Amino acid sequence: MSISLEQIKHLAHLSRLEFSEEELEEMQGDMGKILDFVAQIDTLDLSGIEPLTQMSESVNVMREDQTKGMLEKDEALKNAPDANSDYFRVPKFGKKV
């Protein structure tokens, strides 16, 4: 399967990548090889084969959430460099729009 140089330039633009003309031509060749490889899947008989959802048989082992002792508000705020009675105070940041 072939891919045009214009398509490569469009993909580079969408990806916010910059390539020299030489790199674009090299990328065109590489993308052509990738598309040819993927196109081989169309020639395979995949009937009866379940889609792969995991790369391995491993299953996540999750623990139950357990609550533990929580800090009281006063204790949490006592070492804060700046706080009012309920919250940590932090400097403003970001641009005003």
Protein backbone atom coordinates (compact mmCIF):
# COMPACT_ATOMS: atom_id res chain seq x y z
CA MET A 1 0.00 0.00 0.00
CA SER A 2 1.40 3.38 -0.87
CA ILE A 3 1.14 6.65 0.95
CA SER A 4 1.74 9.97 -0.75
CA LEU A 5 4.23 12.56 0.33
CA GLU A 6 1.33 14.97 0.85
CA GLN A 7 -0.28 12.51 3.28
CA ILE A 8 3.01 12.24 5.18
CA LYS A 9 3.24 16.05 5.36
CA HIS A 10 -0.36 16.19 6.60
CA LEU A 11 0.34 13.58 9.29
CA ALA A 12 3.48 15.47 10.32
CA HIS A 13 1.46 18.68 10.59
CA LEU A 14 -1.23 17.00 12.70
CA SER A 15 1.49 15.52 14.92
CA ARG A 16 3.25 18.87 15.17
CA LEU A 17 6.45 17.32 13.81
CA GLU A 18 8.91 18.95 11.46
CA PHE A 19 10.92 16.92 8.94
CA SER A 20 13.41 17.80 6.24
CA GLU A 21 12.57 16.71 2.68
CA GLU A 22 14.97 13.78 3.08
CA GLU A 23 13.30 12.73 6.34
CA LEU A 24 9.85 13.04 4.74
CA GLU A 25 10.87 10.65 1.96
CA GLU A 26 12.34 8.23 4.49
CA MET A 27 9.15 8.47 6.56
CA GLN A 28 7.10 7.81 3.41
CA GLY A 29 9.03 4.58 2.84
CA ASP A 30 8.70 3.51 6.47
CA MET A 31 4.96 4.25 6.57
CA GLY A 32 4.50 2.32 3.33
CA LYS A 33 6.20 -0.71 4.90
CA ILE A 34 4.03 -0.41 8.02
CA LEU A 35 0.83 -0.19 5.96
CA ASP A 36 1.90 -3.18 3.84
CA PHE A 37 2.53 -5.21 6.99
CA VAL A 38 -0.84 -4.28 8.49
CA ALA A 39 -2.57 -5.04 5.17
CA GLN A 40 -1.40 -8.66 5.52
CA ILE A 41 -3.96 -9.08 8.31
CA ASP A 42 -6.74 -8.75 5.72
CA THR A 43 -5.46 -11.91 4.01
CA LEU A 44 -5.74 -14.03 7.17
CA ASP A 45 -8.74 -16.17 8.07
CA LEU A 46 -9.57 -14.89 11.54
CA SER A 47 -12.97 -16.50 11.91
CA GLY A 48 -13.40 -18.08 15.32
CA ILE A 49 -10.56 -16.07 16.87
CA GLU A 50 -11.56 -13.93 19.81
CA PRO A 51 -10.22 -10.36 19.89
CA LEU A 52 -7.23 -9.85 22.17
CA THR A 53 -8.04 -7.62 25.10
CA GLN A 54 -4.96 -8.30 27.25
CA MET A 55 -1.37 -8.98 26.29
CA SER A 56 -1.00 -11.60 28.99
CA GLU A 57 -3.07 -13.88 31.18
CA SER A 58 -2.29 -11.74 34.23
CA VAL A 59 -5.17 -10.21 36.10
CA ASN A 60 -4.91 -7.13 38.27
CA VAL A 61 -4.87 -7.98 41.93
CA MET A 62 -6.74 -5.25 43.70
CA ARG A 63 -7.05 -4.85 47.43
CA GLU A 64 -10.17 -3.67 49.16
CA ASP A 65 -10.13 -0.01 50.12
CA GLN A 66 -9.65 0.37 53.82
CA THR A 67 -9.98 3.55 55.77
CA LYS A 68 -7.32 4.27 58.33
CA GLY A 69 -6.87 6.97 60.87
CA MET A 70 -7.46 10.40 59.39
CA LEU A 71 -5.87 13.65 60.46
CA GLU A 72 -8.08 16.13 62.16
CA LYS A 73 -8.35 19.44 60.33
CA ASP A 74 -6.40 21.37 62.98
CA GLU A 75 -3.60 18.83 62.96
CA ALA A 76 -3.36 18.88 59.16
CA LEU A 77 -3.20 22.68 59.04
CA LYS A 78 -0.82 23.21 61.97
CA ASN A 79 2.39 22.99 59.86
CA ALA A 80 1.00 24.86 56.87
CA PRO A 81 3.05 27.96 56.00
CA ASP A 82 -0.19 29.87 55.45
CA ALA A 83 -3.71 28.76 56.30
CA ASN A 84 -7.00 30.15 57.46
CA SER A 85 -9.33 28.28 59.76
CA ASP A 86 -10.42 25.77 57.10
CA TYR A 87 -8.01 25.73 54.15
CA PHE A 88 -4.39 25.82 53.03
CA ARG A 89 -3.61 29.15 51.42
CA VAL A 90 -1.51 29.02 48.27
CA PRO A 91 -0.30 31.77 45.94
CA LYS A 92 -2.40 32.57 42.91
CA PHE A 93 -1.03 31.24 39.66
CA GLY A 94 -1.91 31.16 35.98
CA LYS A 95 -3.03 33.80 33.55
CA LYS A 96 -6.19 35.76 33.80
CA VAL A 97 -8.19 35.34 30.63
